[in-house]
Amino acid sequence: MRPAAAAVAVGLALAVGAPTAWVVTRPDAAAGPSLEQALPAPAVPPTALPERADPPSVGVRDASPAAEPGSPPPVRVELPGLGAGAPLDAVGVTDDGQMALPEDVGRVGWYRFGPRPGEAGNAVLAGHVDDAEQGAGALFRLREIAPGDEVTVTDDAGITTRWRVVSRELLHKETLPVETLFARAGPPRLVLITCGGPFLPEYRSYRDNVVVVAEPVVGSAP
């Protein structure tokens, strides 16, 4: 069932037994313009953020579903420059208000209550960075992507759209601009998110999120 007005947090905090080696070999935290420049804030007041004691938690947003489904749903994402790719699963909201993510770290979630890639607004794709048992996730190397790199998304009709990365930023989960990330208005954008930053053993998760913004290649998006 689609939640008519649920509070969605994008914690993306994966509980793992220990951090993987990328923490000590990570690249620069940001590349390209800031998130605020790549994704101008929507012209609506943001949802008030509740007080939360858990550091990895982030803000909330209205999760009412988009109006009517349009283009076919996305089923695969590829990051050719990184040699990475993964199937996409349509996901919603968990019982605790988080954006749901596939349990298999080799798969990536597409937030099905928001735009589809190529529609107005931001299509959000998110996945785990790693897992103590499963190893590196599909978005493990997302921290290495750079402005100008290409991302492709294929829908279930077999149509592939091409996207050009404009921004990559490492943001504390407490300060993620969730309303901006999940905006349903404005030009089409692709937003990819995974965990990053220092590992917090007491919470068994990472403190930050790697956030990447991409724009459609001219003549590619429907």
C-alpha atoms as a PDB file:
ATOM      1  CA  MET A   1       0.000   0.000   0.000  1.00  0.00           C
ATOM      2  CA  ARG A   2       1.254   3.480  -0.798  1.00  0.00           C
ATOM      3  CA  PRO A   3       1.516   5.749   2.246  1.00  0.00           C
ATOM      4  CA  ALA A   4      -0.600   8.815   1.605  1.00  0.00           C
ATOM      5  CA  ALA A   5       1.493  11.074   3.820  1.00  0.00           C
ATOM      6  CA  ALA A   6       4.320   9.260   5.546  1.00  0.00           C
ATOM      7  CA  ALA A   7       7.480  10.739   7.004  1.00  0.00           C
ATOM      8  CA  VAL A   8      10.442   9.414   5.051  1.00  0.00           C
ATOM      9  CA  ALA A   9      13.951   9.576   6.442  1.00  0.00           C
ATOM     10  CA  VAL A  10      16.864   8.804   4.195  1.00  0.00           C
ATOM     11  CA  GLY A  11      19.192   7.432   6.851  1.00  0.00           C
ATOM     12  CA  LEU A  12      20.700   4.834   4.526  1.00  0.00           C
ATOM     13  CA  ALA A  13      22.538   3.568   7.598  1.00  0.00           C
ATOM     14  CA  LEU A  14      23.685   0.037   6.940  1.00  0.00           C
ATOM     15  CA  ALA A  15      24.385  -1.989  10.067  1.00  0.00           C
ATOM     16  CA  VAL A  16      27.695  -3.760   9.531  1.00  0.00           C
ATOM     17  CA  GLY A  17      30.151  -5.471  11.821  1.00  0.00           C
ATOM     18  CA  ALA A  18      33.161  -3.377  10.798  1.00  0.00           C
ATOM     19  CA  PRO A  19      33.993  -0.653   8.272  1.00  0.00           C
ATOM     20  CA  THR A  20      35.657  -1.620   5.014  1.00  0.00           C
ATOM     21  CA  ALA A  21      39.007  -0.301   3.776  1.00  0.00           C
ATOM     22  CA  TRP A  22      37.590   2.521   1.675  1.00  0.00           C
ATOM     23  CA  VAL A  23      37.309   4.761   4.749  1.00  0.00           C
ATOM     24  CA  VAL A  24      41.064   5.299   4.785  1.00  0.00           C
ATOM     25  CA  THR A  25      41.419   5.567   1.007  1.00  0.00           C
ATOM     26  CA  ARG A  26      38.442   7.775   0.176  1.00  0.00           C
ATOM     27  CA  PRO A  27      38.897  10.655  -2.333  1.00  0.00           C
ATOM     28  CA  ASP A  28      38.048  14.297  -1.774  1.00  0.00           C
ATOM     29  CA  ALA A  29      34.682  14.817  -0.103  1.00  0.00           C
ATOM     30  CA  ALA A  30      33.262  16.982  -2.900  1.00  0.00           C
ATOM     31  CA  ALA A  31      33.615  17.518  -6.631  1.00  0.00           C
ATOM     32  CA  GLY A  32      31.793  20.048  -8.792  1.00  0.00           C
ATOM     33  CA  PRO A  33      29.260  22.595  -7.525  1.00  0.00           C
ATOM     34  CA  SER A  34      27.640  22.209  -4.126  1.00  0.00           C
ATOM     35  CA  LEU A  35      24.377  20.340  -3.720  1.00  0.00           C
ATOM     36  CA  GLU A  36      22.565  23.653  -3.232  1.00  0.00           C
ATOM     37  CA  GLN A  37      23.863  24.815  -6.617  1.00  0.00           C
ATOM     38  CA  ALA A  38      23.199  21.527  -8.404  1.00  0.00           C
ATOM     39  CA  LEU A  39      19.723  21.145  -6.895  1.00  0.00           C
ATOM     40  CA  PRO A  40      18.132  24.524  -6.098  1.00  0.00           C
ATOM     41  CA  ALA A  41      15.791  24.245  -3.118  1.00  0.00           C
ATOM     42  CA  PRO A  42      12.088  23.812  -4.016  1.00  0.00           C
ATOM     43  CA  ALA A  43       9.876  26.837  -3.543  1.00  0.00           C
ATOM     44  CA  VAL A  44       7.917  25.262  -0.705  1.00  0.00           C
ATOM     45  CA  PRO A  45       8.574  25.420   3.047  1.00  0.00           C
ATOM     46  CA  PRO A  46      10.461  22.323   4.269  1.00  0.00           C
ATOM     47  CA  THR A  47       8.898  19.862   6.646  1.00  0.00           C
ATOM     48  CA  ALA A  48       9.880  20.572  10.249  1.00  0.00           C
ATOM     49  CA  LEU A  49      12.660  18.293  11.441  1.00  0.00           C
ATOM     50  CA  PRO A  50      11.947  16.394  14.667  1.00  0.00           C
ATOM     51  CA  GLU A  51      14.518  16.050  17.408  1.00  0.00           C
ATOM     52  CA  ARG A  52      16.318  12.738  17.115  1.00  0.00           C
ATOM     53  CA  ALA A  53      18.948  11.221  19.366  1.00  0.00           C
ATOM     54  CA  ASP A  54      20.525   8.927  16.804  1.00  0.00           C
ATOM     55  CA  PRO A  55      23.367  10.786  14.979  1.00  0.00           C
ATOM     56  CA  PRO A  56      23.031   8.872  11.675  1.00  0.00           C
ATOM     57  CA  SER A  57      19.369   9.879  11.331  1.00  0.00           C
ATOM     58  CA  VAL A  58      18.293  12.657   9.000  1.00  0.00           C
ATOM     59  CA  GLY A  59      15.262  14.819   8.335  1.00  0.00           C
ATOM     60  CA  VAL A  60      11.855  13.869   7.027  1.00  0.00           C
ATOM     61  CA  ARG A  61       9.691  14.775   4.082  1.00  0.00           C
ATOM     62  CA  ASP A  62       6.162  14.314   2.792  1.00  0.00           C
ATOM     63  CA  ALA A  63       6.081  10.924   1.090  1.00  0.00           C
ATOM     64  CA  SER A  64       2.694  11.176  -0.570  1.00  0.00           C
ATOM     65  CA  PRO A  65       2.923   9.400  -3.931  1.00  0.00           C
ATOM     66  CA  ALA A  66       3.374  11.239  -7.194  1.00  0.00           C
ATOM     67  CA  ALA A  67       0.186  11.837  -9.170  1.00  0.00           C
ATOM     68  CA  GLU A  68      -0.025   9.364 -12.037  1.00  0.00           C
ATOM     69  CA  PRO A  69       2.636   6.944 -13.247  1.00  0.00           C
ATOM     70  CA  GLY A  70       4.117   8.076 -16.521  1.00  0.00           C
ATOM     71  CA  SER A  71       7.111   6.502 -18.209  1.00  0.00           C
ATOM     72  CA  PRO A  72       8.069   2.861 -17.548  1.00  0.00           C
ATOM     73  CA  PRO A  73       9.863   2.277 -14.240  1.00  0.00           C
ATOM     74  CA  PRO A  74      13.668   2.019 -14.237  1.00  0.00           C
ATOM     75  CA  VAL A  75      15.155  -1.453 -13.867  1.00  0.00           C
ATOM     76  CA  ARG A  76      18.930  -0.981 -14.123  1.00  0.00           C
ATOM     77  CA  VAL A  77      21.603   1.641 -13.473  1.00  0.00           C
ATOM     78  CA  GLU A  78      25.139   1.630 -14.889  1.00  0.00           C
ATOM     79  CA  LEU A  79      28.204   3.686 -13.957  1.00  0.00           C
ATOM     80  CA  PRO A  80      30.446   2.861 -16.940  1.00  0.00           C
ATOM     81  CA  GLY A  81      33.456   4.887 -15.802  1.00  0.00           C
ATOM     82  CA  LEU A  82      33.574   2.958 -12.537  1.00  0.00           C
ATOM     83  CA  GLY A  83      32.852  -0.432 -14.048  1.00  0.00           C
ATOM     84  CA  ALA A  84      29.780  -0.669 -11.816  1.00  0.00           C
ATOM     85  CA  GLY A  85      26.122  -1.437 -12.406  1.00  0.00           C
ATOM     86  CA  ALA A  86      23.130  -2.948 -10.647  1.00  0.00           C
ATOM     87  CA  PRO A  87      19.490  -3.959 -11.007  1.00  0.00           C
ATOM     88  CA  LEU A  88      17.009  -1.415  -9.658  1.00  0.00           C
ATOM     89  CA  ASP A  89      14.213  -2.358  -7.257  1.00  0.00           C
ATOM     90  CA  ALA A  90      11.200  -0.086  -6.765  1.00  0.00           C
ATOM     91  CA  VAL A  91      11.188   0.736  -3.046  1.00  0.00           C
ATOM     92  CA  GLY A  92       9.049   2.741  -0.646  1.00  0.00           C
ATOM     93  CA  VAL A  93       9.149   3.422   3.079  1.00  0.00           C
ATOM     94  CA  THR A  94      10.025   1.167   6.024  1.00  0.00           C
ATOM     95  CA  ASP A  95       8.010   0.994   9.249  1.00  0.00           C
ATOM     96  CA  ASP A  96      10.473   3.310  11.013  1.00  0.00           C
ATOM     97  CA  GLY A  97      10.206   6.013   8.368  1.00  0.00           C
ATOM     98  CA  GLN A  98      13.367   5.232   6.415  1.00  0.00           C
ATOM     99  CA  MET A  99      13.581   4.970   2.661  1.00  0.00           C
ATOM    100  CA  ALA A 100      13.552   1.220   2.080  1.00  0.00           C
ATOM    101  CA  LEU A 101      16.644  -0.324   0.473  1.00  0.00           C
ATOM    102  CA  PRO A 102      17.213  -3.761  -1.058  1.00  0.00           C
ATOM    103  CA  GLU A 103      18.731  -6.207   1.435  1.00  0.00           C
ATOM    104  CA  ASP A 104      21.038  -7.438  -1.316  1.00  0.00           C
ATOM    105  CA  VAL A 105      23.851  -4.860  -1.464  1.00  0.00           C
ATOM    106  CA  GLY A 106      24.351  -5.762  -5.115  1.00  0.00           C
ATOM    107  CA  ARG A 107      21.016  -4.097  -5.928  1.00  0.00           C
ATOM    108  CA  VAL A 108      19.948  -0.445  -5.776  1.00  0.00           C
ATOM    109  CA  GLY A 109      16.590   1.028  -4.780  1.00  0.00           C
ATOM    110  CA  TRP A 110      14.580   3.537  -6.813  1.00  0.00           C
ATOM    111  CA  TYR A 111      12.190   5.628  -4.699  1.00  0.00           C
ATOM    112  CA  ARG A 112       8.911   4.724  -6.388  1.00  0.00           C
ATOM    113  CA  PHE A 113       6.825   7.497  -4.786  1.00  0.00           C
ATOM    114  CA  GLY A 114       8.922  10.122  -6.563  1.00  0.00           C
ATOM    115  CA  PRO A 115       9.647  10.890 -10.229  1.00  0.00           C
ATOM    116  CA  ARG A 116      10.916   8.311 -12.650  1.00  0.00           C
ATOM    117  CA  PRO A 117      14.172   9.129 -14.437  1.00  0.00           C
ATOM    118  CA  GLY A 118      13.395  11.693 -17.141  1.00  0.00           C
ATOM    119  CA  GLU A 119      10.269  13.083 -15.457  1.00  0.00           C
ATOM    120  CA  ALA A 120      10.209  16.518 -13.838  1.00  0.00           C
ATOM    121  CA  GLY A 121      11.952  16.567 -10.475  1.00  0.00           C
ATOM    122  CA  ASN A 122      14.549  14.313  -8.897  1.00  0.00           C
ATOM    123  CA  ALA A 123      14.596  10.564  -9.442  1.00  0.00           C
ATOM    124  CA  VAL A 124      16.299   9.135  -6.341  1.00  0.00           C
ATOM    125  CA  LEU A 125      18.406   5.966  -6.468  1.00  0.00           C
ATOM    126  CA  ALA A 126      19.995   4.702  -3.240  1.00  0.00           C
ATOM    127  CA  GLY A 127      21.853   1.654  -2.033  1.00  0.00           C
ATOM    128  CA  HIS A 128      24.127   0.290   0.669  1.00  0.00           C
ATOM    129  CA  VAL A 129      27.845   0.934   0.387  1.00  0.00           C
ATOM    130  CA  ASP A 130      28.862  -2.430   1.857  1.00  0.00           C
ATOM    131  CA  ASP A 131      28.033  -5.212   4.278  1.00  0.00           C
ATOM    132  CA  ALA A 132      30.187  -7.214   6.687  1.00  0.00           C
ATOM    133  CA  GLU A 133      29.004 -10.492   5.149  1.00  0.00           C
ATOM    134  CA  GLN A 134      28.122  -9.530   1.567  1.00  0.00           C
ATOM    135  CA  GLY A 135      31.125  -7.265   0.989  1.00  0.00           C
ATOM    136  CA  ALA A 136      31.159  -4.178  -1.226  1.00  0.00           C
ATOM    137  CA  GLY A 137      27.803  -2.924  -2.492  1.00  0.00           C
ATOM    138  CA  ALA A 138      26.831  -1.852  -5.998  1.00  0.00           C
ATOM    139  CA  LEU A 139      27.474   1.800  -5.079  1.00  0.00           C
ATOM    140  CA  PHE A 140      30.733   1.110  -3.231  1.00  0.00           C
ATOM    141  CA  ARG A 141      32.717   3.206  -5.734  1.00  0.00           C
ATOM    142  CA  LEU A 142      30.191   6.039  -5.951  1.00  0.00           C
ATOM    143  CA  ARG A 143      32.601   8.131  -3.868  1.00  0.00           C
ATOM    144  CA  GLU A 144      35.003   8.061  -6.861  1.00  0.00           C
ATOM    145  CA  ILE A 145      32.620   9.419  -9.483  1.00  0.00           C
ATOM    146  CA  ALA A 146      33.463  12.850 -10.881  1.00  0.00           C
ATOM    147  CA  PRO A 147      31.686  15.651 -12.748  1.00  0.00           C
ATOM    148  CA  GLY A 148      31.495  14.755 -16.414  1.00  0.00           C
ATOM    149  CA  ASP A 149      31.201  11.007 -15.779  1.00  0.00           C
ATOM    150  CA  GLU A 150      28.223   9.256 -17.305  1.00  0.00           C
ATOM    151  CA  VAL A 151      25.410   7.293 -15.683  1.00  0.00           C
ATOM    152  CA  THR A 152      22.880   5.305 -17.691  1.00  0.00           C
ATOM    153  CA  VAL A 153      19.440   4.122 -16.603  1.00  0.00           C
ATOM    154  CA  THR A 154      17.409   1.502 -18.464  1.00  0.00           C
ATOM    155  CA  ASP A 155      13.655   1.124 -17.988  1.00  0.00           C
ATOM    156  CA  ASP A 156      11.532  -1.998 -18.287  1.00  0.00           C
ATOM    157  CA  ALA A 157      10.674  -1.107 -21.879  1.00  0.00           C
ATOM    158  CA  GLY A 158      14.353  -1.385 -22.774  1.00  0.00           C
ATOM    159  CA  ILE A 159      14.873   2.370 -23.228  1.00  0.00           C
ATOM    160  CA  THR A 160      18.215   3.672 -21.921  1.00  0.00           C
ATOM    161  CA  THR A 161      18.745   7.291 -20.926  1.00  0.00           C
ATOM    162  CA  ARG A 162      22.139   8.908 -20.399  1.00  0.00           C
ATOM    163  CA  TRP A 163      23.029  11.250 -17.553  1.00  0.00           C
ATOM    164  CA  ARG A 164      26.059  13.444 -16.912  1.00  0.00           C
ATOM    165  CA  VAL A 165      27.341  13.879 -13.353  1.00  0.00           C
ATOM    166  CA  VAL A 166      27.495  17.526 -12.250  1.00  0.00           C
ATOM    167  CA  SER A 167      28.142  17.206  -8.520  1.00  0.00           C
ATOM    168  CA  ARG A 168      29.373  14.835  -5.820  1.00  0.00           C
ATOM    169  CA  GLU A 169      29.292  15.763  -2.151  1.00  0.00           C
ATOM    170  CA  LEU A 170      29.765  14.086   1.233  1.00  0.00           C
ATOM    171  CA  LEU A 171      27.080  15.293   3.647  1.00  0.00           C
ATOM    172  CA  HIS A 172      26.354  14.538   7.292  1.00  0.00           C
ATOM    173  CA  LYS A 173      23.118  12.572   7.539  1.00  0.00           C
ATOM    174  CA  GLU A 174      21.801  15.049  10.109  1.00  0.00           C
ATOM    175  CA  THR A 175      22.063  17.896   7.592  1.00  0.00           C
ATOM    176  CA  LEU A 176      20.822  16.267   4.389  1.00  0.00           C
ATOM    177  CA  PRO A 177      18.437  18.652   2.593  1.00  0.00           C
ATOM    178  CA  VAL A 178      15.781  15.956   2.176  1.00  0.00           C
ATOM    179  CA  GLU A 179      13.137  18.254   0.687  1.00  0.00           C
ATOM    180  CA  THR A 180      15.604  19.302  -1.979  1.00  0.00           C
ATOM    181  CA  LEU A 181      16.769  15.768  -2.718  1.00  0.00           C
ATOM    182  CA  PHE A 182      13.211  14.487  -3.191  1.00  0.00           C
ATOM    183  CA  ALA A 183      11.812  17.481  -5.090  1.00  0.00           C
ATOM    184  CA  ARG A 184       9.102  16.593  -7.595  1.00  0.00           C
ATOM    185  CA  ALA A 185       9.281  19.827  -9.542  1.00  0.00           C
ATOM    186  CA  GLY A 186      11.916  21.426 -11.707  1.00  0.00           C
ATOM    187  CA  PRO A 187      14.095  19.985 -14.472  1.00  0.00           C
ATOM    188  CA  PRO A 188      14.785  16.239 -14.520  1.00  0.00           C
ATOM    189  CA  ARG A 189      17.678  15.227 -12.285  1.00  0.00           C
ATOM    190  CA  LEU A 190      19.096  11.896 -11.155  1.00  0.00           C
ATOM    191  CA  VAL A 191      20.188  11.682  -7.500  1.00  0.00           C
ATOM    192  CA  LEU A 192      22.309   8.750  -6.308  1.00  0.00           C
ATOM    193  CA  ILE A 193      22.946   8.199  -2.597  1.00  0.00           C
ATOM    194  CA  THR A 194      24.958   5.773  -0.496  1.00  0.00           C
ATOM    195  CA  CYS A 195      26.706   5.791   2.879  1.00  0.00           C
ATOM    196  CA  GLY A 196      30.101   7.381   3.439  1.00  0.00           C
ATOM    197  CA  GLY A 197      32.358   9.193   5.848  1.00  0.00           C
ATOM    198  CA  PRO A 198      33.670   7.754   9.122  1.00  0.00           C
ATOM    199  CA  PHE A 199      32.255   4.535  10.495  1.00  0.00           C
ATOM    200  CA  LEU A 200      30.524   4.859  13.886  1.00  0.00           C
ATOM    201  CA  PRO A 201      30.915   1.555  15.770  1.00  0.00           C
ATOM    202  CA  GLU A 202      28.384   2.543  18.431  1.00  0.00           C
ATOM    203  CA  TYR A 203      25.691   2.859  15.735  1.00  0.00           C
ATOM    204  CA  ARG A 204      27.138   0.221  13.412  1.00  0.00           C
ATOM    205  CA  SER A 205      26.763   2.588  10.493  1.00  0.00           C
ATOM    206  CA  TYR A 206      28.460   5.394   8.617  1.00  0.00           C
ATOM    207  CA  ARG A 207      28.048   9.006   9.672  1.00  0.00           C
ATOM    208  CA  ASP A 208      27.564  10.578   6.237  1.00  0.00           C
ATOM    209  CA  ASN A 209      26.028  10.097   2.824  1.00  0.00           C
ATOM    210  CA  VAL A 210      27.690  10.384  -0.570  1.00  0.00           C
ATOM    211  CA  VAL A 211      25.263  12.340  -2.762  1.00  0.00           C
ATOM    212  CA  VAL A 212      25.688  12.542  -6.545  1.00  0.00           C
ATOM    213  CA  VAL A 213      23.600  14.699  -8.881  1.00  0.00           C
ATOM    214  CA  ALA A 214      23.385  14.091 -12.626  1.00  0.00           C
ATOM    215  CA  GLU A 215      21.635  15.917 -15.465  1.00  0.00           C
ATOM    216  CA  PRO A 216      20.227  14.301 -18.611  1.00  0.00           C
ATOM    217  CA  VAL A 217      22.432  14.295 -21.680  1.00  0.00           C
ATOM    218  CA  VAL A 218      20.700  16.439 -24.303  1.00  0.00           C
ATOM    219  CA  GLY A 219      18.410  14.298 -26.431  1.00  0.00           C
ATOM    220  CA  SER A 220      18.631  11.334 -24.060  1.00  0.00           C
ATOM    221  CA  ALA A 221      15.915  11.721 -21.404  1.00  0.00           C
ATOM    222  CA  PRO A 222      12.333  11.128 -22.613  1.00  0.00           C
END
